[in-house]
Amino acid sequence: MPQFAKYRRAPPCFKVIENYFSPEEVDKIVDLEELQKSSKGTFGPEGQQQSDDDARNSEISWIYPDAQSQWVFDKFGILLGHVNHDVFMYDIDGLEYFQYTRYKKKQHYDWHFDQFMDYSNWERKISATIVLSDPDDYKGGELDIVAGGNPEKATTVKPIFTI
């Protein structure tokens, strides 16, 4: 039964998808009204956020599903369903709202977990990063992924332009 082989192997910890959003869709995302209001990026569980420029130095906005942005959630949900089926096979209940982060020269977000270890009403099972800028327009931006908790064995993913 070779069609069931994927269920007997350890899944990879990430998958890279290229060219999912068209240039017009990237422009629509960048032009969303919510993104015009940004604040200093923080870290930590909701209600306990901290600010520390050594750990995180960036500006963030939030994209919530509404009449302007629902198409992004719909399209991303389709992608998430395919990636989850092909790679992870998790039981997924839904999507969170999206964090939109802007980095200026010398800004960064240091090592962190995309899941908090304390109790919450939900569990984040999959995180995604969507690059909306052409990597030729900036230096840096690599994403280091640590599976198994050993930073010495991190996998570095170079930014890929999504269009």
N, C-alpha and C. Protein backbone atom coordinates (compact mmCIF):
# COMPACT_ATOMS: atom_id res chain seq x y z
N MET A 1 0.81 -1.19 0.00
CA MET A 1 0.00 0.00 0.00
C MET A 1 0.85 1.25 0.00
N PRO A 2 1.51 1.55 -1.10
CA PRO A 2 2.38 2.73 -1.16
C PRO A 2 1.66 4.04 -0.95
N GLN A 3 0.36 4.13 -1.24
CA GLN A 3 -0.33 5.40 -1.07
C GLN A 3 -0.41 5.82 0.40
N PHE A 4 -0.15 4.90 1.34
CA PHE A 4 -0.20 5.23 2.76
C PHE A 4 1.19 5.44 3.36
N ALA A 5 2.24 5.45 2.53
CA ALA A 5 3.61 5.59 3.01
C ALA A 5 3.81 6.89 3.78
N LYS A 6 3.14 7.98 3.37
CA LYS A 6 3.35 9.26 4.06
C LYS A 6 2.89 9.22 5.51
N TYR A 7 2.01 8.30 5.86
CA TYR A 7 1.51 8.23 7.23
C TYR A 7 2.48 7.48 8.14
N ARG A 8 3.48 6.81 7.56
CA ARG A 8 4.42 6.02 8.35
C ARG A 8 5.78 6.70 8.48
N ARG A 9 5.91 7.92 8.02
CA ARG A 9 7.20 8.61 8.08
C ARG A 9 7.09 9.85 8.97
N ALA A 10 8.23 10.28 9.46
CA ALA A 10 8.26 11.53 10.23
C ALA A 10 8.07 12.68 9.26
N PRO A 11 7.14 13.58 9.54
CA PRO A 11 6.91 14.70 8.61
C PRO A 11 8.05 15.71 8.66
N PRO A 12 8.30 16.41 7.57
CA PRO A 12 9.28 17.50 7.63
C PRO A 12 8.72 18.61 8.52
N CYS A 13 9.57 19.47 9.01
CA CYS A 13 9.08 20.52 9.91
C CYS A 13 8.61 21.75 9.15
N PHE A 14 8.83 21.80 7.84
CA PHE A 14 8.36 22.96 7.09
C PHE A 14 8.24 22.62 5.61
N LYS A 15 7.54 23.50 4.91
CA LYS A 15 7.40 23.38 3.46
C LYS A 15 7.46 24.77 2.87
N VAL A 16 8.15 24.93 1.75
CA VAL A 16 8.27 26.21 1.08
C VAL A 16 7.37 26.18 -0.15
N ILE A 17 6.51 27.18 -0.26
CA ILE A 17 5.60 27.33 -1.40
C ILE A 17 5.98 28.63 -2.11
N GLU A 18 6.16 28.56 -3.41
CA GLU A 18 6.49 29.77 -4.17
C GLU A 18 5.31 30.19 -5.04
N ASN A 19 5.21 31.50 -5.26
CA ASN A 19 4.27 32.07 -6.23
C ASN A 19 2.80 31.76 -5.93
N TYR A 20 2.43 31.77 -4.67
CA TYR A 20 1.04 31.47 -4.33
C TYR A 20 0.12 32.68 -4.56
N PHE A 21 0.61 33.87 -4.23
CA PHE A 21 -0.17 35.09 -4.46
C PHE A 21 0.33 35.78 -5.72
N SER A 22 -0.58 36.28 -6.53
CA SER A 22 -0.23 37.01 -7.75
C SER A 22 0.28 38.40 -7.36
N PRO A 23 0.96 39.09 -8.28
CA PRO A 23 1.41 40.46 -7.98
C PRO A 23 0.24 41.37 -7.59
N GLU A 24 -0.90 41.20 -8.24
CA GLU A 24 -2.07 42.03 -7.91
C GLU A 24 -2.57 41.70 -6.49
N GLU A 25 -2.53 40.43 -6.12
CA GLU A 25 -2.98 40.05 -4.77
C GLU A 25 -2.03 40.58 -3.70
N VAL A 26 -0.72 40.55 -3.97
CA VAL A 26 0.24 41.12 -3.03
C VAL A 26 -0.05 42.61 -2.83
N ASP A 27 -0.30 43.33 -3.92
CA ASP A 27 -0.64 44.75 -3.81
C ASP A 27 -1.91 44.95 -2.98
N LYS A 28 -2.92 44.10 -3.17
CA LYS A 28 -4.16 44.20 -2.39
C LYS A 28 -3.91 43.96 -0.91
N ILE A 29 -3.02 43.01 -0.59
CA ILE A 29 -2.69 42.74 0.82
C ILE A 29 -2.02 43.97 1.42
N VAL A 30 -1.00 44.49 0.75
CA VAL A 30 -0.25 45.64 1.26
C VAL A 30 -1.15 46.87 1.42
N ASP A 31 -2.16 46.98 0.58
CA ASP A 31 -3.06 48.14 0.62
C ASP A 31 -4.22 48.01 1.60
N LEU A 32 -4.33 46.88 2.31
CA LEU A 32 -5.44 46.72 3.25
C LEU A 32 -5.44 47.85 4.28
N GLU A 33 -6.61 48.35 4.56
CA GLU A 33 -6.75 49.50 5.46
C GLU A 33 -6.15 49.24 6.83
N GLU A 34 -6.31 48.02 7.37
CA GLU A 34 -5.80 47.71 8.71
C GLU A 34 -4.30 47.92 8.80
N LEU A 35 -3.60 47.75 7.68
CA LEU A 35 -2.15 47.81 7.70
C LEU A 35 -1.62 49.23 7.80
N GLN A 36 -2.49 50.19 7.68
CA GLN A 36 -2.07 51.58 7.79
C GLN A 36 -1.89 51.97 9.26
N LYS A 37 -2.40 51.16 10.17
CA LYS A 37 -2.26 51.42 11.61
C LYS A 37 -1.28 50.39 12.17
N SER A 38 -0.09 50.83 12.56
CA SER A 38 0.88 49.88 13.09
C SER A 38 1.31 50.30 14.49
N SER A 39 1.94 49.36 15.19
CA SER A 39 2.46 49.63 16.53
C SER A 39 3.76 48.85 16.70
N LYS A 40 4.46 49.15 17.76
CA LYS A 40 5.72 48.48 18.04
C LYS A 40 5.47 47.00 18.28
N GLY A 41 6.29 46.15 17.66
CA GLY A 41 6.17 44.71 17.86
C GLY A 41 6.56 44.31 19.27
N THR A 42 5.78 43.46 19.88
CA THR A 42 6.06 42.94 21.22
C THR A 42 6.12 41.42 21.13
N PHE A 43 6.39 40.78 22.25
CA PHE A 43 6.39 39.32 22.29
C PHE A 43 5.84 38.87 23.63
N GLY A 44 5.40 37.63 23.69
CA GLY A 44 4.85 37.06 24.91
C GLY A 44 3.37 36.79 24.77
N PRO A 45 2.82 36.03 25.73
CA PRO A 45 1.40 35.68 25.68
C PRO A 45 0.50 36.90 25.77
N GLU A 46 -0.69 36.79 25.21
CA GLU A 46 -1.65 37.89 25.23
C GLU A 46 -1.89 38.35 26.66
N GLY A 47 -1.85 39.65 26.85
CA GLY A 47 -2.03 40.22 28.18
C GLY A 47 -0.73 40.33 28.96
N GLN A 48 0.34 39.69 28.46
CA GLN A 48 1.64 39.73 29.14
C GLN A 48 2.75 40.14 28.17
N GLN A 49 2.39 40.87 27.11
CA GLN A 49 3.36 41.24 26.10
C GLN A 49 4.47 42.09 26.68
N GLN A 50 5.66 41.90 26.14
CA GLN A 50 6.83 42.65 26.55
C GLN A 50 7.44 43.33 25.35
N SER A 51 8.16 44.40 25.60
CA SER A 51 8.88 45.11 24.55
C SER A 51 10.36 45.10 24.91
N ASP A 52 11.19 44.66 23.97
CA ASP A 52 12.63 44.61 24.18
C ASP A 52 13.28 44.66 22.81
N ASP A 53 13.92 45.77 22.48
CA ASP A 53 14.50 45.94 21.14
C ASP A 53 15.60 44.93 20.84
N ASP A 54 16.23 44.35 21.86
CA ASP A 54 17.23 43.31 21.60
C ASP A 54 16.56 42.04 21.09
N ALA A 55 15.36 41.76 21.55
CA ALA A 55 14.64 40.56 21.12
C ALA A 55 13.81 40.80 19.86
N ARG A 56 13.15 41.95 19.80
CA ARG A 56 12.29 42.25 18.66
C ARG A 56 12.25 43.75 18.42
N ASN A 57 12.56 44.12 17.19
CA ASN A 57 12.53 45.52 16.81
C ASN A 57 11.85 45.59 15.44
N SER A 58 10.57 45.89 15.43
CA SER A 58 9.79 45.94 14.18
C SER A 58 8.47 46.64 14.45
N GLU A 59 7.75 46.93 13.39
CA GLU A 59 6.40 47.49 13.48
C GLU A 59 5.42 46.42 13.01
N ILE A 60 4.29 46.30 13.69
CA ILE A 60 3.31 45.28 13.32
C ILE A 60 1.91 45.88 13.17
N SER A 61 1.12 45.21 12.36
CA SER A 61 -0.30 45.48 12.21
C SER A 61 -1.00 44.13 12.24
N TRP A 62 -2.31 44.17 12.38
CA TRP A 62 -3.09 42.92 12.41
C TRP A 62 -4.10 42.92 11.28
N ILE A 63 -4.27 41.79 10.66
CA ILE A 63 -5.30 41.62 9.64
C ILE A 63 -6.35 40.69 10.21
N TYR A 64 -7.56 41.21 10.36
CA TYR A 64 -8.70 40.43 10.84
C TYR A 64 -9.63 40.18 9.66
N PRO A 65 -10.35 39.08 9.67
CA PRO A 65 -11.27 38.86 8.55
C PRO A 65 -12.38 39.90 8.53
N ASP A 66 -12.52 40.57 7.41
CA ASP A 66 -13.61 41.52 7.20
C ASP A 66 -13.89 41.57 5.70
N ALA A 67 -14.72 42.50 5.28
CA ALA A 67 -15.11 42.56 3.87
C ALA A 67 -13.91 42.78 2.95
N GLN A 68 -12.90 43.52 3.40
CA GLN A 68 -11.71 43.78 2.57
C GLN A 68 -10.73 42.62 2.55
N SER A 69 -10.64 41.89 3.65
CA SER A 69 -9.56 40.90 3.78
C SER A 69 -10.01 39.44 3.75
N GLN A 70 -11.29 39.17 3.73
CA GLN A 70 -11.75 37.79 3.81
C GLN A 70 -11.15 36.92 2.70
N TRP A 71 -10.94 37.51 1.52
CA TRP A 71 -10.37 36.75 0.41
C TRP A 71 -8.98 36.21 0.76
N VAL A 72 -8.19 36.96 1.57
CA VAL A 72 -6.85 36.49 1.97
C VAL A 72 -7.00 35.27 2.87
N PHE A 73 -7.92 35.33 3.83
CA PHE A 73 -8.15 34.20 4.73
C PHE A 73 -8.66 32.99 3.94
N ASP A 74 -9.55 33.21 2.98
CA ASP A 74 -10.07 32.12 2.17
C ASP A 74 -8.96 31.46 1.35
N LYS A 75 -8.17 32.26 0.66
CA LYS A 75 -7.11 31.72 -0.19
C LYS A 75 -6.03 31.05 0.66
N PHE A 76 -5.65 31.68 1.77
CA PHE A 76 -4.64 31.08 2.63
C PHE A 76 -5.17 29.79 3.26
N GLY A 77 -6.46 29.78 3.60
CA GLY A 77 -7.06 28.57 4.17
C GLY A 77 -6.98 27.38 3.22
N ILE A 78 -7.15 27.63 1.93
CA ILE A 78 -7.02 26.56 0.94
C ILE A 78 -5.59 26.04 0.93
N LEU A 79 -4.62 26.95 0.91
CA LEU A 79 -3.21 26.54 0.94
C LEU A 79 -2.91 25.76 2.20
N LEU A 80 -3.36 26.26 3.35
CA LEU A 80 -3.13 25.58 4.62
C LEU A 80 -3.70 24.16 4.59
N GLY A 81 -4.89 24.01 4.03
CA GLY A 81 -5.49 22.67 3.94
C GLY A 81 -4.64 21.72 3.12
N HIS A 82 -4.13 22.19 1.99
CA HIS A 82 -3.28 21.34 1.14
C HIS A 82 -1.96 20.99 1.84
N VAL A 83 -1.30 21.99 2.42
CA VAL A 83 -0.02 21.74 3.09
C VAL A 83 -0.23 20.82 4.28
N ASN A 84 -1.27 21.07 5.05
CA ASN A 84 -1.54 20.21 6.20
C ASN A 84 -1.77 18.77 5.76
N HIS A 85 -2.54 18.57 4.72
CA HIS A 85 -2.81 17.22 4.22
C HIS A 85 -1.54 16.55 3.71
N ASP A 86 -0.74 17.31 2.95
CA ASP A 86 0.46 16.73 2.33
C ASP A 86 1.60 16.50 3.31
N VAL A 87 1.68 17.32 4.37
CA VAL A 87 2.86 17.30 5.23
C VAL A 87 2.55 16.89 6.67
N PHE A 88 1.57 17.51 7.30
CA PHE A 88 1.42 17.37 8.74
C PHE A 88 0.30 16.43 9.20
N MET A 89 -0.85 16.50 8.57
CA MET A 89 -2.03 15.72 8.96
C MET A 89 -2.52 16.06 10.37
N TYR A 90 -2.50 17.36 10.71
CA TYR A 90 -3.01 17.81 11.99
C TYR A 90 -4.52 18.00 11.93
N ASP A 91 -5.16 17.95 13.08
CA ASP A 91 -6.57 18.31 13.21
C ASP A 91 -6.61 19.82 13.41
N ILE A 92 -7.03 20.55 12.38
CA ILE A 92 -7.02 22.01 12.40
C ILE A 92 -8.45 22.52 12.54
N ASP A 93 -8.66 23.43 13.50
CA ASP A 93 -9.99 23.98 13.75
C ASP A 93 -10.25 25.29 13.02
N GLY A 94 -9.20 26.04 12.67
CA GLY A 94 -9.42 27.33 12.03
C GLY A 94 -8.14 28.13 11.95
N LEU A 95 -8.28 29.36 11.50
CA LEU A 95 -7.15 30.27 11.35
C LEU A 95 -7.21 31.38 12.38
N GLU A 96 -6.04 31.80 12.84
CA GLU A 96 -5.94 33.01 13.65
C GLU A 96 -5.96 34.21 12.71
N TYR A 97 -6.05 35.39 13.28
CA TYR A 97 -5.86 36.58 12.47
C TYR A 97 -4.38 36.65 12.12
N PHE A 98 -4.05 37.45 11.11
CA PHE A 98 -2.69 37.51 10.60
C PHE A 98 -1.93 38.69 11.17
N GLN A 99 -0.67 38.45 11.50
CA GLN A 99 0.22 39.53 11.91
C GLN A 99 1.02 39.97 10.69
N TYR A 100 1.02 41.26 10.43
CA TYR A 100 1.75 41.84 9.31
C TYR A 100 2.90 42.62 9.92
N THR A 101 4.13 42.24 9.59
CA THR A 101 5.30 42.85 10.20
C THR A 101 6.11 43.60 9.16
N ARG A 102 6.52 44.81 9.52
CA ARG A 102 7.40 45.62 8.67
C ARG A 102 8.76 45.72 9.35
N TYR A 103 9.79 45.45 8.59
CA TYR A 103 11.15 45.60 9.08
C TYR A 103 11.85 46.70 8.30
N LYS A 104 12.44 47.63 9.02
CA LYS A 104 13.29 48.64 8.41
C LYS A 104 14.74 48.20 8.58
N LYS A 105 15.65 48.94 8.00
CA LYS A 105 17.06 48.60 8.08
C LYS A 105 17.48 48.34 9.52
N LYS A 106 18.17 47.23 9.74
CA LYS A 106 18.73 46.80 11.04
C LYS A 106 17.66 46.33 12.03
N GLN A 107 16.41 46.22 11.62
CA GLN A 107 15.40 45.68 12.53
C GLN A 107 15.40 44.15 12.44
N HIS A 108 14.81 43.50 13.46
CA HIS A 108 14.87 42.04 13.53
C HIS A 108 13.83 41.50 14.51
N TYR A 109 13.71 40.19 14.50
CA TYR A 109 12.98 39.45 15.53
C TYR A 109 13.85 38.25 15.83
N ASP A 110 14.35 38.16 17.04
CA ASP A 110 15.31 37.13 17.43
C ASP A 110 14.61 35.78 17.62
N TRP A 111 15.38 34.77 18.03
CA TRP A 111 14.83 33.43 18.26
C TRP A 111 13.60 33.50 19.16
N HIS A 112 12.56 32.77 18.80
CA HIS A 112 11.35 32.73 19.62
C HIS A 112 10.53 31.50 19.23
N PHE A 113 9.57 31.17 20.06
CA PHE A 113 8.63 30.09 19.79
C PHE A 113 7.36 30.71 19.22
N ASP A 114 6.75 30.04 18.25
CA ASP A 114 5.47 30.50 17.74
C ASP A 114 4.31 29.84 18.49
N GLN A 115 4.59 29.29 19.64
CA GLN A 115 3.56 28.72 20.51
C GLN A 115 3.98 28.98 21.95
N PHE A 116 3.06 29.43 22.77
CA PHE A 116 3.37 29.66 24.16
C PHE A 116 3.19 28.36 24.93
N MET A 117 4.03 28.16 25.93
CA MET A 117 4.02 26.91 26.67
C MET A 117 3.00 26.88 27.81
N ASP A 118 2.36 28.01 28.07
CA ASP A 118 1.37 28.03 29.14
C ASP A 118 0.00 27.63 28.61
N TYR A 119 -0.96 27.55 29.46
CA TYR A 119 -2.31 27.14 29.08
C TYR A 119 -2.98 28.20 28.23
N SER A 120 -3.65 27.79 27.22
CA SER A 120 -4.50 28.69 26.44
C SER A 120 -5.68 27.87 25.93
N ASN A 121 -6.66 28.56 25.37
CA ASN A 121 -7.85 27.87 24.87
C ASN A 121 -7.64 27.23 23.52
N TRP A 122 -6.50 27.46 22.90
CA TRP A 122 -6.22 26.90 21.60
C TRP A 122 -4.74 26.54 21.52
N GLU A 123 -4.41 25.74 20.54
CA GLU A 123 -3.03 25.35 20.33
C GLU A 123 -2.63 25.69 18.90
N ARG A 124 -1.59 26.45 18.74
CA ARG A 124 -1.08 26.77 17.40
C ARG A 124 -0.31 25.55 16.91
N LYS A 125 -0.72 25.02 15.79
CA LYS A 125 -0.10 23.82 15.25
C LYS A 125 0.78 24.10 14.05
N ILE A 126 0.43 25.11 13.26
CA ILE A 126 1.20 25.45 12.07
C ILE A 126 1.38 26.97 12.05
N SER A 127 2.60 27.41 11.78
CA SER A 127 2.88 28.83 11.58
C SER A 127 3.33 29.01 10.15
N ALA A 128 3.09 30.20 9.62
CA ALA A 128 3.49 30.48 8.24
C ALA A 128 4.08 31.87 8.15
N THR A 129 5.02 32.02 7.24
CA THR A 129 5.60 33.32 6.92
C THR A 129 5.41 33.54 5.44
N ILE A 130 4.83 34.67 5.09
CA ILE A 130 4.63 35.01 3.68
C ILE A 130 5.48 36.24 3.39
N VAL A 131 6.39 36.11 2.43
CA VAL A 131 7.26 37.21 2.04
C VAL A 131 6.55 38.00 0.95
N LEU A 132 6.31 39.29 1.21
CA LEU A 132 5.61 40.13 0.25
C LEU A 132 6.55 41.10 -0.46
N SER A 133 7.81 41.14 -0.05
CA SER A 133 8.80 42.04 -0.66
C SER A 133 9.79 41.22 -1.46
N ASP A 134 10.31 41.81 -2.52
CA ASP A 134 11.31 41.15 -3.33
C ASP A 134 12.62 41.09 -2.54
N PRO A 135 13.19 39.89 -2.29
CA PRO A 135 14.44 39.77 -1.52
C PRO A 135 15.62 40.52 -2.14
N ASP A 136 15.53 40.87 -3.40
CA ASP A 136 16.59 41.67 -4.01
C ASP A 136 16.57 43.11 -3.51
N ASP A 137 15.46 43.51 -2.85
CA ASP A 137 15.32 44.88 -2.35
C ASP A 137 15.88 45.08 -0.94
N TYR A 138 16.38 44.01 -0.30
CA TYR A 138 16.90 44.14 1.06
C TYR A 138 17.90 43.03 1.33
N LYS A 139 18.68 43.20 2.41
CA LYS A 139 19.62 42.17 2.86
C LYS A 139 19.05 41.53 4.11
N GLY A 140 19.36 40.27 4.33
CA GLY A 140 18.90 39.56 5.51
C GLY A 140 17.53 38.97 5.26
N GLY A 141 16.77 38.81 6.34
CA GLY A 141 15.42 38.29 6.22
C GLY A 141 15.34 36.78 6.24
N GLU A 142 16.46 36.10 6.51
CA GLU A 142 16.42 34.65 6.55
C GLU A 142 15.58 34.18 7.73
N LEU A 143 14.93 33.04 7.55
CA LEU A 143 14.12 32.43 8.59
C LEU A 143 14.84 31.18 9.05
N ASP A 144 15.22 31.12 10.33
CA ASP A 144 15.87 29.94 10.89
C ASP A 144 14.82 29.10 11.60
N ILE A 145 14.71 27.84 11.22
CA ILE A 145 13.72 26.93 11.80
C ILE A 145 14.45 25.87 12.60
N VAL A 146 14.06 25.72 13.87
CA VAL A 146 14.67 24.74 14.75
C VAL A 146 13.66 23.64 15.03
N ALA A 147 13.97 22.43 14.64
CA ALA A 147 13.13 21.27 14.96
C ALA A 147 13.88 20.47 16.02
N GLY A 148 13.19 20.02 17.03
CA GLY A 148 13.84 19.22 18.06
C GLY A 148 14.57 20.03 19.11
N GLY A 149 14.46 21.36 19.07
CA GLY A 149 14.99 22.20 20.12
C GLY A 149 16.49 22.46 20.09
N ASN A 150 17.20 22.10 19.01
CA ASN A 150 18.64 22.31 18.96
C ASN A 150 18.98 23.41 17.96
N PRO A 151 19.26 24.64 18.43
CA PRO A 151 19.57 25.74 17.52
C PRO A 151 20.81 25.48 16.66
N GLU A 152 21.69 24.58 17.11
CA GLU A 152 22.88 24.24 16.33
C GLU A 152 22.51 23.52 15.04
N LYS A 153 21.31 22.97 14.99
CA LYS A 153 20.86 22.23 13.81
C LYS A 153 19.71 22.96 13.11
N ALA A 154 19.74 24.27 13.15
CA ALA A 154 18.69 25.07 12.52
C ALA A 154 18.78 24.94 11.00
N THR A 155 17.62 25.01 10.37
CA THR A 155 17.54 25.06 8.91
C THR A 155 17.24 26.50 8.54
N THR A 156 18.07 27.09 7.68
CA THR A 156 17.88 28.47 7.26
C THR A 156 17.18 28.48 5.91
N VAL A 157 16.08 29.22 5.86
CA VAL A 157 15.31 29.37 4.62
C VAL A 157 15.51 30.80 4.14
N LYS A 158 16.02 30.95 2.94
CA LYS A 158 16.21 32.28 2.35
C LYS A 158 14.86 32.81 1.93
N PRO A 159 14.67 34.13 1.98
CA PRO A 159 13.39 34.69 1.53
C PRO A 159 13.13 34.36 0.07
N ILE A 160 11.90 34.07 -0.20
CA ILE A 160 11.46 33.79 -1.57
C ILE A 160 10.35 34.77 -1.90
N PHE A 161 10.47 35.42 -3.01
CA PHE A 161 9.45 36.37 -3.43
C PHE A 161 8.20 35.57 -3.76
N THR A 162 7.05 35.98 -3.24
CA THR A 162 5.84 35.19 -3.39
C THR A 162 5.14 35.37 -4.72
N ILE A 163 5.62 36.28 -5.57
CA ILE A 163 4.92 36.45 -6.83
C ILE A 163 5.79 36.01 -8.00
